[in-house]
């Protein structure tokens, strides 16, 4: 996954016109149940923030695509849950993830609408809370408003560290300041991927307590 994220980061750097759509597709994928673990949106958005600060990517365009991708991804997971209902627990593709689904259900029961906001910043359960919201027949309008509101918060927060690092490099100045800043952002991206992988491994460990 680290190699894939690096390749995508390089592609975005070299092909700025495709940067925002690619990031939108990545945030869409990460918000989708089952496949979300294979989309390193967190790491790429750190890099994207630095590229926005450097003037390589257009900030409003990236925001629009990433928010749209996150909203649509959660909406698809929600409607999948609405379609399946209680049968979701018996779907073969979801059976290996029943432990995470159970955690998402407990989280959703405890926090309700707030869980839609909180799950954006959580690891393995991130893509499963919208599914559970659909399974429990949460009203569509209520979910979609929380879905949009949480995406509007989540995307700028994820872009902010890279953006601030890039802006700081500009303020400091120096011939190679931006290169050093982007190098630091790349290191943070790798760290984010490692943390994400550890969380996924921990969640999949059958011996761990829920």
C-alpha atoms as a PDB file:
ATOM      1  CA  UNK A   1       0.000   0.000   0.000  1.00  0.00           C
ATOM      2  CA  UNK A   2       2.904   2.362   0.776  1.00  0.00           C
ATOM      3  CA  UNK A   3       4.267   1.859  -2.762  1.00  0.00           C
ATOM      4  CA  UNK A   4       0.822   2.461  -4.281  1.00  0.00           C
ATOM      5  CA  UNK A   5       0.346   5.661  -2.307  1.00  0.00           C
ATOM      6  CA  UNK A   6       3.779   6.879  -3.377  1.00  0.00           C
ATOM      7  CA  UNK A   7       3.040   6.186  -7.039  1.00  0.00           C
ATOM      8  CA  UNK A   8      -0.276   8.027  -6.833  1.00  0.00           C
ATOM      9  CA  UNK A   9       1.392  10.948  -5.087  1.00  0.00           C
ATOM     10  CA  UNK A  10       3.976  11.152  -7.868  1.00  0.00           C
ATOM     11  CA  UNK A  11       1.246  10.943 -10.512  1.00  0.00           C
ATOM     12  CA  UNK A  12      -0.684  13.791  -8.908  1.00  0.00           C
ATOM     13  CA  UNK A  13       2.469  15.898  -8.693  1.00  0.00           C
ATOM     14  CA  UNK A  14       3.263  15.360 -12.390  1.00  0.00           C
ATOM     15  CA  UNK A  15      -0.332  15.619 -13.622  1.00  0.00           C
ATOM     16  CA  UNK A  16      -1.869  18.460 -11.630  1.00  0.00           C
ATOM     17  CA  UNK A  17      -4.942  18.656 -13.868  1.00  0.00           C
ATOM     18  CA  UNK A  18      -5.904  15.127 -12.811  1.00  0.00           C
ATOM     19  CA  UNK A  19      -5.003  15.659  -9.166  1.00  0.00           C
ATOM     20  CA  UNK A  20      -8.420  16.739  -7.857  1.00  0.00           C
ATOM     21  CA  UNK A  21     -10.432  14.030  -9.703  1.00  0.00           C
ATOM     22  CA  UNK A  22      -7.991  11.326  -8.561  1.00  0.00           C
ATOM     23  CA  UNK A  23      -8.246  12.525  -4.964  1.00  0.00           C
ATOM     24  CA  UNK A  24     -12.032  12.554  -5.281  1.00  0.00           C
ATOM     25  CA  UNK A  25     -12.017   8.925  -6.449  1.00  0.00           C
ATOM     26  CA  UNK A  26      -9.689   7.984  -3.580  1.00  0.00           C
ATOM     27  CA  UNK A  27     -11.938   9.570  -0.941  1.00  0.00           C
ATOM     28  CA  UNK A  28     -14.914   7.858  -2.575  1.00  0.00           C
ATOM     29  CA  UNK A  29     -13.186   4.496  -2.378  1.00  0.00           C
ATOM     30  CA  UNK A  30     -12.050   4.947   1.217  1.00  0.00           C
ATOM     31  CA  UNK A  31     -15.626   5.724   2.257  1.00  0.00           C
ATOM     32  CA  UNK A  32     -16.973   2.542   0.654  1.00  0.00           C
ATOM     33  CA  UNK A  33     -17.623  -0.470   2.816  1.00  0.00           C
ATOM     34  CA  UNK A  34     -15.315  -3.466   2.223  1.00  0.00           C
ATOM     35  CA  UNK A  35     -12.900  -1.719  -0.153  1.00  0.00           C
ATOM     36  CA  UNK A  36     -12.116   1.311   2.013  1.00  0.00           C
ATOM     37  CA  UNK A  37      -8.980  -0.267   3.500  1.00  0.00           C
ATOM     38  CA  UNK A  38      -7.339  -0.342   0.054  1.00  0.00           C
ATOM     39  CA  UNK A  39      -7.619   3.412  -0.588  1.00  0.00           C
ATOM     40  CA  UNK A  40      -4.897   5.451   1.188  1.00  0.00           C
ATOM     41  CA  UNK A  41      -6.808   8.741   1.235  1.00  0.00           C
ATOM     42  CA  UNK A  42      -5.252   9.939   4.499  1.00  0.00           C
ATOM     43  CA  UNK A  43      -1.690   9.736   3.194  1.00  0.00           C
ATOM     44  CA  UNK A  44      -2.504  11.249  -0.188  1.00  0.00           C
ATOM     45  CA  UNK A  45      -4.408  14.157   1.336  1.00  0.00           C
ATOM     46  CA  UNK A  46      -1.356  15.040   3.432  1.00  0.00           C
ATOM     47  CA  UNK A  47       0.610  15.283   0.195  1.00  0.00           C
ATOM     48  CA  UNK A  48      -2.239  17.148  -1.528  1.00  0.00           C
ATOM     49  CA  UNK A  49      -2.253  19.786   1.209  1.00  0.00           C
ATOM     50  CA  UNK A  50       1.418  20.488   0.551  1.00  0.00           C
ATOM     51  CA  UNK A  51       0.801  20.668  -3.193  1.00  0.00           C
ATOM     52  CA  UNK A  52      -2.010  23.177  -2.624  1.00  0.00           C
ATOM     53  CA  UNK A  53       0.344  25.346  -0.568  1.00  0.00           C
ATOM     54  CA  UNK A  54       2.963  25.068  -3.317  1.00  0.00           C
ATOM     55  CA  UNK A  55       0.457  26.219  -5.936  1.00  0.00           C
ATOM     56  CA  UNK A  56       0.554  22.902  -7.806  1.00  0.00           C
ATOM     57  CA  UNK A  57      -3.085  22.062  -7.024  1.00  0.00           C
ATOM     58  CA  UNK A  58      -6.077  24.395  -6.789  1.00  0.00           C
ATOM     59  CA  UNK A  59      -7.452  24.323  -3.242  1.00  0.00           C
ATOM     60  CA  UNK A  60     -11.188  24.898  -3.935  1.00  0.00           C
ATOM     61  CA  UNK A  61     -11.182  22.297  -6.713  1.00  0.00           C
ATOM     62  CA  UNK A  62      -9.529  19.697  -4.492  1.00  0.00           C
ATOM     63  CA  UNK A  63     -11.964  20.472  -1.679  1.00  0.00           C
ATOM     64  CA  UNK A  64     -14.958  20.075  -3.994  1.00  0.00           C
ATOM     65  CA  UNK A  65     -13.807  16.754  -5.444  1.00  0.00           C
ATOM     66  CA  UNK A  66     -12.764  15.276  -2.099  1.00  0.00           C
ATOM     67  CA  UNK A  67     -15.958  16.323  -0.327  1.00  0.00           C
ATOM     68  CA  UNK A  68     -18.015  14.975  -3.205  1.00  0.00           C
ATOM     69  CA  UNK A  69     -16.149  11.669  -3.196  1.00  0.00           C
ATOM     70  CA  UNK A  70     -16.527  11.238   0.562  1.00  0.00           C
ATOM     71  CA  UNK A  71     -20.246  12.063   0.460  1.00  0.00           C
ATOM     72  CA  UNK A  72     -21.013   9.712  -2.427  1.00  0.00           C
ATOM     73  CA  UNK A  73     -18.965   6.885  -0.889  1.00  0.00           C
ATOM     74  CA  UNK A  74     -20.837   7.073   2.409  1.00  0.00           C
ATOM     75  CA  UNK A  75     -24.157   7.418   0.581  1.00  0.00           C
ATOM     76  CA  UNK A  76     -23.511   4.227  -1.397  1.00  0.00           C
ATOM     77  CA  UNK A  77     -22.620   2.350   1.809  1.00  0.00           C
ATOM     78  CA  UNK A  78     -25.787   3.697   3.447  1.00  0.00           C
ATOM     79  CA  UNK A  79     -28.046   2.610   0.583  1.00  0.00           C
ATOM     80  CA  UNK A  80     -26.378  -0.780   0.522  1.00  0.00           C
ATOM     81  CA  UNK A  81     -27.330  -1.133   4.184  1.00  0.00           C
ATOM     82  CA  UNK A  82     -30.903   0.023   3.468  1.00  0.00           C
ATOM     83  CA  UNK A  83     -31.194  -2.553   0.673  1.00  0.00           C
ATOM     84  CA  UNK A  84     -29.800  -5.434   2.721  1.00  0.00           C
ATOM     85  CA  UNK A  85     -31.415  -4.658   6.073  1.00  0.00           C
ATOM     86  CA  UNK A  86     -30.928  -7.502   8.535  1.00  0.00           C
ATOM     87  CA  UNK A  87     -29.620  -9.715   5.736  1.00  0.00           C
ATOM     88  CA  UNK A  88     -26.334  -7.754   5.872  1.00  0.00           C
ATOM     89  CA  UNK A  89     -25.101 -10.040   8.650  1.00  0.00           C
ATOM     90  CA  UNK A  90     -25.511 -13.072   6.388  1.00  0.00           C
ATOM     91  CA  UNK A  91     -23.911 -11.680   3.222  1.00  0.00           C
ATOM     92  CA  UNK A  92     -20.840 -13.856   2.476  1.00  0.00           C
ATOM     93  CA  UNK A  93     -18.627 -10.890   1.566  1.00  0.00           C
ATOM     94  CA  UNK A  94     -19.419  -9.216   4.907  1.00  0.00           C
ATOM     95  CA  UNK A  95     -19.048 -12.269   7.134  1.00  0.00           C
ATOM     96  CA  UNK A  96     -15.273 -11.852   7.647  1.00  0.00           C
ATOM     97  CA  UNK A  97     -16.007  -8.310   8.895  1.00  0.00           C
ATOM     98  CA  UNK A  98     -18.786  -9.157  11.343  1.00  0.00           C
ATOM     99  CA  UNK A  99     -16.561  -8.196  14.290  1.00  0.00           C
ATOM    100  CA  UNK A 100     -15.998  -4.708  12.878  1.00  0.00           C
ATOM    101  CA  UNK A 101     -19.681  -4.454  11.958  1.00  0.00           C
ATOM    102  CA  UNK A 102     -20.611  -5.281  15.544  1.00  0.00           C
ATOM    103  CA  UNK A 103     -18.318  -2.506  16.771  1.00  0.00           C
ATOM    104  CA  UNK A 104     -19.820  -0.094  14.267  1.00  0.00           C
ATOM    105  CA  UNK A 105     -23.328  -1.018  15.435  1.00  0.00           C
ATOM    106  CA  UNK A 106     -22.422  -0.428  19.085  1.00  0.00           C
ATOM    107  CA  UNK A 107     -20.771   2.866  18.158  1.00  0.00           C
ATOM    108  CA  UNK A 108     -23.815   3.938  16.156  1.00  0.00           C
ATOM    109  CA  UNK A 109     -26.229   2.986  18.935  1.00  0.00           C
ATOM    110  CA  UNK A 110     -24.225   4.971  21.469  1.00  0.00           C
ATOM    111  CA  UNK A 111     -23.649   8.156  19.474  1.00  0.00           C
ATOM    112  CA  UNK A 112     -26.400   8.238  16.845  1.00  0.00           C
ATOM    113  CA  UNK A 113     -26.000  11.103  14.365  1.00  0.00           C
ATOM    114  CA  UNK A 114     -22.725  12.134  16.004  1.00  0.00           C
ATOM    115  CA  UNK A 115     -21.258   8.787  14.946  1.00  0.00           C
ATOM    116  CA  UNK A 116     -21.468   9.894  11.290  1.00  0.00           C
ATOM    117  CA  UNK A 117     -19.134  12.785  12.140  1.00  0.00           C
ATOM    118  CA  UNK A 118     -16.866  10.849  14.476  1.00  0.00           C
ATOM    119  CA  UNK A 119     -16.434   7.844  12.196  1.00  0.00           C
ATOM    120  CA  UNK A 120     -14.768   9.999   9.549  1.00  0.00           C
ATOM    121  CA  UNK A 121     -11.719  10.152  11.788  1.00  0.00           C
ATOM    122  CA  UNK A 122     -11.753   6.530  12.919  1.00  0.00           C
ATOM    123  CA  UNK A 123      -9.912   3.595  11.423  1.00  0.00           C
ATOM    124  CA  UNK A 124     -11.536   0.264  10.595  1.00  0.00           C
ATOM    125  CA  UNK A 125     -15.126   1.223  11.454  1.00  0.00           C
ATOM    126  CA  UNK A 126     -15.096   4.319   9.213  1.00  0.00           C
ATOM    127  CA  UNK A 127     -16.771   2.711   6.215  1.00  0.00           C
ATOM    128  CA  UNK A 128     -19.062   0.460   8.272  1.00  0.00           C
ATOM    129  CA  UNK A 129     -20.994   3.086  10.261  1.00  0.00           C
ATOM    130  CA  UNK A 130     -22.882   4.335   7.142  1.00  0.00           C
ATOM    131  CA  UNK A 131     -23.706   0.709   6.336  1.00  0.00           C
ATOM    132  CA  UNK A 132     -25.090   0.203   9.852  1.00  0.00           C
ATOM    133  CA  UNK A 133     -27.031   3.474   9.560  1.00  0.00           C
ATOM    134  CA  UNK A 134     -28.714   2.010   6.497  1.00  0.00           C
ATOM    135  CA  UNK A 135     -29.291  -1.394   8.093  1.00  0.00           C
ATOM    136  CA  UNK A 136     -31.040   0.272  11.052  1.00  0.00           C
ATOM    137  CA  UNK A 137     -33.144   2.396   8.644  1.00  0.00           C
ATOM    138  CA  UNK A 138     -31.869   5.773   9.818  1.00  0.00           C
ATOM    139  CA  UNK A 139     -33.980   8.421   7.979  1.00  0.00           C
ATOM    140  CA  UNK A 140     -32.376   9.297   4.663  1.00  0.00           C
ATOM    141  CA  UNK A 141     -32.475  13.095   5.066  1.00  0.00           C
ATOM    142  CA  UNK A 142     -31.033  12.874   8.574  1.00  0.00           C
ATOM    143  CA  UNK A 143     -28.183  10.691   7.378  1.00  0.00           C
ATOM    144  CA  UNK A 144     -27.392  12.703   4.259  1.00  0.00           C
ATOM    145  CA  UNK A 145     -27.230  15.992   6.173  1.00  0.00           C
ATOM    146  CA  UNK A 146     -24.787  14.416   8.625  1.00  0.00           C
ATOM    147  CA  UNK A 147     -22.922  12.833   5.728  1.00  0.00           C
ATOM    148  CA  UNK A 148     -22.419  16.186   3.988  1.00  0.00           C
ATOM    149  CA  UNK A 149     -21.621  18.045   7.202  1.00  0.00           C
ATOM    150  CA  UNK A 150     -19.031  15.501   8.303  1.00  0.00           C
ATOM    151  CA  UNK A 151     -17.344  15.508   4.871  1.00  0.00           C
ATOM    152  CA  UNK A 152     -17.126  19.314   4.916  1.00  0.00           C
ATOM    153  CA  UNK A 153     -15.278  19.066   8.238  1.00  0.00           C
ATOM    154  CA  UNK A 154     -13.170  15.993   7.474  1.00  0.00           C
ATOM    155  CA  UNK A 155     -11.625  17.055   4.162  1.00  0.00           C
ATOM    156  CA  UNK A 156     -10.110  20.401   5.324  1.00  0.00           C
ATOM    157  CA  UNK A 157      -8.848  18.763   8.517  1.00  0.00           C
ATOM    158  CA  UNK A 158      -7.040  16.077   6.499  1.00  0.00           C
ATOM    159  CA  UNK A 159      -5.554  18.612   4.082  1.00  0.00           C
ATOM    160  CA  UNK A 160      -4.501  21.046   6.813  1.00  0.00           C
ATOM    161  CA  UNK A 161      -1.227  19.415   8.055  1.00  0.00           C
ATOM    162  CA  UNK A 162       0.287  19.267   4.579  1.00  0.00           C
ATOM    163  CA  UNK A 163      -0.964  22.728   3.702  1.00  0.00           C
ATOM    164  CA  UNK A 164       0.436  24.284   6.888  1.00  0.00           C
ATOM    165  CA  UNK A 165       3.774  22.566   6.340  1.00  0.00           C
ATOM    166  CA  UNK A 166       3.933  23.965   2.813  1.00  0.00           C
ATOM    167  CA  UNK A 167       2.977  27.459   3.944  1.00  0.00           C
ATOM    168  CA  UNK A 168       5.573  27.301   6.690  1.00  0.00           C
ATOM    169  CA  UNK A 169       8.242  26.412   4.155  1.00  0.00           C
ATOM    170  CA  UNK A 170       7.296  29.427   2.053  1.00  0.00           C
ATOM    171  CA  UNK A 171       7.526  31.719   5.064  1.00  0.00           C
ATOM    172  CA  UNK A 172      10.937  30.356   6.029  1.00  0.00           C
ATOM    173  CA  UNK A 173      12.171  30.734   2.474  1.00  0.00           C
ATOM    174  CA  UNK A 174      15.305  29.232   1.025  1.00  0.00           C
ATOM    175  CA  UNK A 175      16.060  27.615  -2.273  1.00  0.00           C
ATOM    176  CA  UNK A 176      15.101  24.096  -1.209  1.00  0.00           C
ATOM    177  CA  UNK A 177      12.507  24.896   1.453  1.00  0.00           C
ATOM    178  CA  UNK A 178       9.564  23.481  -0.485  1.00  0.00           C
ATOM    179  CA  UNK A 179      11.439  20.295  -1.338  1.00  0.00           C
ATOM    180  CA  UNK A 180      12.184  19.752   2.339  1.00  0.00           C
ATOM    181  CA  UNK A 181       8.554  20.446   3.243  1.00  0.00           C
ATOM    182  CA  UNK A 182       7.244  17.945   0.702  1.00  0.00           C
ATOM    183  CA  UNK A 183       9.790  15.416   1.953  1.00  0.00           C
ATOM    184  CA  UNK A 184       8.453  15.870   5.463  1.00  0.00           C
ATOM    185  CA  UNK A 185       4.888  15.513   4.233  1.00  0.00           C
ATOM    186  CA  UNK A 186       5.852  12.284   2.447  1.00  0.00           C
ATOM    187  CA  UNK A 187       7.289  10.961   5.709  1.00  0.00           C
ATOM    188  CA  UNK A 188       4.026  11.840   7.492  1.00  0.00           C
ATOM    189  CA  UNK A 189       2.109  10.071   4.746  1.00  0.00           C
ATOM    190  CA  UNK A 190       4.131   6.887   5.219  1.00  0.00           C
ATOM    191  CA  UNK A 191       3.569   7.115   8.978  1.00  0.00           C
ATOM    192  CA  UNK A 192      -0.173   7.519   8.398  1.00  0.00           C
ATOM    193  CA  UNK A 193      -0.177   4.394   6.229  1.00  0.00           C
ATOM    194  CA  UNK A 194       1.679   2.402   8.881  1.00  0.00           C
ATOM    195  CA  UNK A 195      -0.749   3.493  11.595  1.00  0.00           C
ATOM    196  CA  UNK A 196      -3.689   2.642   9.323  1.00  0.00           C
ATOM    197  CA  UNK A 197      -2.265  -0.837   8.617  1.00  0.00           C
ATOM    198  CA  UNK A 198      -1.706  -1.488  12.328  1.00  0.00           C
ATOM    199  CA  UNK A 199      -5.293  -0.473  13.103  1.00  0.00           C
ATOM    200  CA  UNK A 200      -6.613  -2.804  10.416  1.00  0.00           C
ATOM    201  CA  UNK A 201      -4.494  -5.672  11.755  1.00  0.00           C
ATOM    202  CA  UNK A 202      -5.644  -5.008  15.302  1.00  0.00           C
ATOM    203  CA  UNK A 203      -9.296  -4.925  14.258  1.00  0.00           C
ATOM    204  CA  UNK A 204      -8.910  -8.206  12.370  1.00  0.00           C
ATOM    205  CA  UNK A 205      -7.263  -9.973  15.313  1.00  0.00           C
ATOM    206  CA  UNK A 206      -9.859 -12.490  16.555  1.00  0.00           C
ATOM    207  CA  UNK A 207      -8.214 -12.622  19.962  1.00  0.00           C
ATOM    208  CA  UNK A 208      -8.644  -8.915  20.658  1.00  0.00           C
ATOM    209  CA  UNK A 209     -11.437  -7.730  22.880  1.00  0.00           C
ATOM    210  CA  UNK A 210     -14.174  -5.640  21.223  1.00  0.00           C
END
